[in-house]
Amino acid sequence: MKITVEKVAKELGVTPPTVRNLIDNGQLPIAAVMETGSRKKYVILPKPLYEATGIKIGYEPPAPVDYDRLAETLAEKLKELI
């Protein structure tokens, strides 16, 4: 799924030029910017977008895992098998 500056602007409630300016100024580190001559192309990255804004477009954060509980449960199951 392509995430556009327009989609991000709509989600944030600002204009696309505002999003571009924030990205260009380093205040919104959510995109890779490619310059070709006098034009710029903004490639919005889903994970940084989520981390910076909480917006989930094309990214689902991993579920937290309680490793201590998982280890205890596995140990109990192994004891049952032995």
Protein backbone atom coordinates (compact mmCIF):
# COMPACT_ATOMS: atom_id res chain seq x y z
CA MET A 1 0.00 0.00 0.00
CA LYS A 2 1.41 3.35 -0.98
CA ILE A 3 1.20 5.95 1.75
CA THR A 4 0.96 9.43 0.30
CA VAL A 5 1.71 12.80 1.84
CA GLU A 6 -1.97 13.59 1.24
CA LYS A 7 -3.10 10.59 3.34
CA VAL A 8 -0.77 11.57 6.18
CA ALA A 9 -1.94 15.19 6.02
CA LYS A 10 -5.57 14.10 6.21
CA GLU A 11 -4.87 11.88 9.23
CA LEU A 12 -2.98 14.68 10.99
CA GLY A 13 -5.54 17.35 10.08
CA VAL A 14 -3.03 19.54 8.25
CA THR A 15 -2.25 20.37 4.64
CA PRO A 16 0.11 18.35 2.43
CA PRO A 17 2.57 21.29 2.20
CA THR A 18 2.71 21.35 6.01
CA VAL A 19 3.62 17.65 6.09
CA ARG A 20 6.30 18.19 3.43
CA ASN A 21 7.75 21.13 5.36
CA LEU A 22 7.81 19.14 8.61
CA ILE A 23 9.59 16.27 6.84
CA ASP A 24 12.07 18.63 5.15
CA ASN A 25 12.85 20.38 8.45
CA GLY A 26 13.41 17.07 10.26
CA GLN A 27 10.48 17.65 12.60
CA LEU A 28 8.55 14.68 11.22
CA PRO A 29 11.02 11.86 10.47
CA ILE A 30 8.63 9.58 8.59
CA ALA A 31 9.92 9.57 5.04
CA ALA A 32 12.81 9.09 2.69
CA VAL A 33 13.11 12.08 0.39
CA MET A 34 14.51 11.64 -3.09
CA GLU A 35 15.48 14.69 -5.08
CA THR A 36 15.55 14.60 -8.86
CA GLY A 37 16.51 18.00 -10.14
CA SER A 38 14.16 20.52 -8.59
CA ARG A 39 11.52 17.92 -7.66
CA LYS A 40 11.24 15.93 -4.45
CA LYS A 41 9.62 12.55 -4.00
CA TYR A 42 8.48 11.59 -0.49
CA VAL A 43 8.39 7.89 0.33
CA ILE A 44 6.45 7.57 3.57
CA LEU A 45 7.73 4.69 5.73
CA PRO A 46 4.99 2.88 7.72
CA LYS A 47 6.97 2.07 10.88
CA PRO A 48 8.44 5.56 11.40
CA LEU A 49 5.01 7.03 10.63
CA TYR A 50 3.50 4.92 13.42
CA GLU A 51 6.34 5.66 15.84
CA ALA A 52 6.17 9.42 15.25
CA THR A 53 2.40 9.86 15.06
CA GLY A 54 0.62 6.68 16.16
CA ILE A 55 -0.98 6.39 12.72
CA LYS A 56 -1.18 2.77 11.54
CA ILE A 57 -1.26 2.71 7.76
CA GLY A 58 0.37 -0.41 6.37
CA TYR A 59 2.00 -1.24 9.72
CA GLU A 60 0.89 -3.24 12.69
CA PRO A 61 3.14 -2.99 15.74
CA PRO A 62 4.21 -6.31 17.23
CA ALA A 63 2.23 -7.65 20.14
CA PRO A 64 4.05 -7.57 23.46
CA VAL A 65 5.30 -10.96 24.67
CA ASP A 66 5.67 -11.90 28.33
CA TYR A 67 8.77 -14.07 27.96
CA ASP A 68 8.91 -15.01 31.65
CA ARG A 69 5.38 -16.39 31.55
CA LEU A 70 6.09 -18.15 28.26
CA ALA A 71 9.18 -19.82 29.74
CA GLU A 72 7.25 -20.93 32.84
CA THR A 73 4.44 -22.39 30.75
CA LEU A 74 6.89 -24.28 28.54
CA ALA A 75 8.75 -25.61 31.58
CA GLU A 76 5.47 -26.88 33.06
CA LYS A 77 4.53 -28.60 29.80
CA LEU A 78 7.95 -30.23 29.55
CA LYS A 79 7.66 -31.52 33.14
CA GLU A 80 4.32 -33.12 32.23
CA LEU A 81 5.94 -34.94 29.32
CA ILE A 82 8.81 -36.34 31.38
